[in-house]
């Protein structure tokens, strides 16, 4: 199935809202922009579900109050970004549909 321009605009809005939620470590903003079945995959393979995300973010807040997201690259299939939280630096590969972000795979720097 080919995405329409409207689907692409909705997907872009969902990814933008998702990223804004991560910047402030705000679970409500993040969860408002994920699709059913969302998965966050850590570098070691641990999977964090939408239901587990608030507790996960509470742990991340111990590293710093705000995440810096930069070096964003958008392709038709995925969005790549570099991020930093406190002294921790990594990258993320984000997949999304018009329903929202379906998956983010994290990579350690």
Protein backbone atom coordinates (compact mmCIF):
# COMPACT_ATOMS: atom_id res chain seq x y z
CA UNK A 1 0.00 0.00 0.00
CA UNK A 2 1.32 3.43 -0.94
CA UNK A 3 1.12 6.22 1.61
CA UNK A 4 -0.89 9.24 0.55
CA UNK A 5 0.36 12.76 1.19
CA UNK A 6 -2.14 12.98 4.04
CA UNK A 7 -0.76 9.74 5.58
CA UNK A 8 2.76 11.13 5.33
CA UNK A 9 1.71 14.38 7.00
CA UNK A 10 -0.01 12.51 9.83
CA UNK A 11 3.03 10.23 10.25
CA UNK A 12 5.32 13.27 10.38
CA UNK A 13 3.10 14.91 13.00
CA UNK A 14 3.14 11.71 15.09
CA UNK A 15 6.93 11.46 14.93
CA UNK A 16 7.29 15.16 15.81
CA UNK A 17 4.98 14.76 18.82
CA UNK A 18 6.81 11.60 19.87
CA UNK A 19 10.18 13.39 19.73
CA UNK A 20 8.77 16.34 21.70
CA UNK A 21 7.69 13.89 24.39
CA UNK A 22 11.18 12.44 24.61
CA UNK A 23 12.76 15.89 24.82
CA UNK A 24 10.85 16.53 28.04
CA UNK A 25 10.71 12.86 29.12
CA UNK A 26 6.93 13.27 29.11
CA UNK A 27 5.14 9.90 28.95
CA UNK A 28 1.74 11.42 28.08
CA UNK A 29 3.16 13.17 24.99
CA UNK A 30 5.03 10.08 23.89
CA UNK A 31 2.07 7.74 24.41
CA UNK A 32 -0.26 10.11 22.54
CA UNK A 33 1.88 9.55 19.46
CA UNK A 34 2.48 5.79 19.47
CA UNK A 35 0.53 3.12 17.61
CA UNK A 36 -0.99 0.03 19.21
CA UNK A 37 1.73 -2.55 19.81
CA UNK A 38 4.50 0.08 20.18
CA UNK A 39 7.91 -1.29 21.18
CA UNK A 40 11.07 0.46 22.37
CA UNK A 41 14.02 -1.87 21.85
CA UNK A 42 17.12 -1.20 23.94
CA UNK A 43 20.65 -1.96 22.70
CA UNK A 44 20.76 -5.22 24.69
CA UNK A 45 17.47 -6.39 23.19
CA UNK A 46 15.20 -5.60 26.15
CA UNK A 47 11.77 -4.51 24.89
CA UNK A 48 9.83 -1.73 26.64
CA UNK A 49 6.10 -1.63 25.88
CA UNK A 50 3.80 1.38 25.99
CA UNK A 51 2.47 0.20 29.37
CA UNK A 52 6.02 0.07 30.78
CA UNK A 53 7.08 3.44 29.37
CA UNK A 54 6.14 5.69 32.36
CA UNK A 55 8.31 3.64 34.75
CA UNK A 56 11.11 3.52 32.17
CA UNK A 57 11.03 7.32 31.85
CA UNK A 58 11.09 7.73 35.64
CA UNK A 59 14.40 5.84 35.63
CA UNK A 60 15.76 7.94 32.76
CA UNK A 61 14.96 11.18 34.63
CA UNK A 62 17.67 10.17 37.11
CA UNK A 63 20.20 10.76 34.29
CA UNK A 64 18.93 14.25 33.48
CA UNK A 65 15.74 16.23 33.17
CA UNK A 66 15.81 16.75 29.43
CA UNK A 67 16.89 14.80 26.37
CA UNK A 68 18.70 16.60 23.58
CA UNK A 69 17.67 15.25 20.17
CA UNK A 70 19.78 16.26 17.18
CA UNK A 71 21.10 15.13 13.80
CA UNK A 72 17.72 13.97 12.54
CA UNK A 73 17.60 12.13 9.20
CA UNK A 74 14.29 11.25 7.56
CA UNK A 75 13.86 8.55 4.93
CA UNK A 76 10.60 7.20 3.52
CA UNK A 77 10.89 4.14 5.79
CA UNK A 78 12.45 5.40 9.03
CA UNK A 79 13.64 8.41 11.00
CA UNK A 80 17.12 8.37 12.53
CA UNK A 81 18.24 10.65 15.33
CA UNK A 82 21.09 11.13 17.74
CA UNK A 83 20.20 11.86 21.35
CA UNK A 84 21.90 12.72 24.62
CA UNK A 85 20.60 12.44 28.16
CA UNK A 86 23.11 13.61 30.74
CA UNK A 87 26.37 11.95 29.77
CA UNK A 88 24.66 9.12 27.84
CA UNK A 89 24.71 9.45 24.04
CA UNK A 90 22.95 7.17 21.58
CA UNK A 91 20.92 6.95 18.41
CA UNK A 92 17.44 5.81 17.55
CA UNK A 93 15.79 4.31 14.49
CA UNK A 94 12.10 5.20 14.53
CA UNK A 95 9.41 3.47 12.46
CA UNK A 96 5.97 5.04 12.17
CA UNK A 97 2.68 4.83 10.33
CA UNK A 98 -0.25 7.22 10.22
CA UNK A 99 -1.41 5.49 13.46
CA UNK A 100 1.76 6.61 15.23
CA UNK A 101 5.23 5.39 16.11
CA UNK A 102 5.33 1.60 15.99
CA UNK A 103 8.91 1.00 17.07
CA UNK A 104 12.10 2.67 18.15
CA UNK A 105 15.36 0.74 18.26
CA UNK A 106 18.06 2.33 20.39
CA UNK A 107 21.77 2.14 19.67
CA UNK A 108 24.50 2.94 22.17
CA UNK A 109 27.26 5.30 21.16
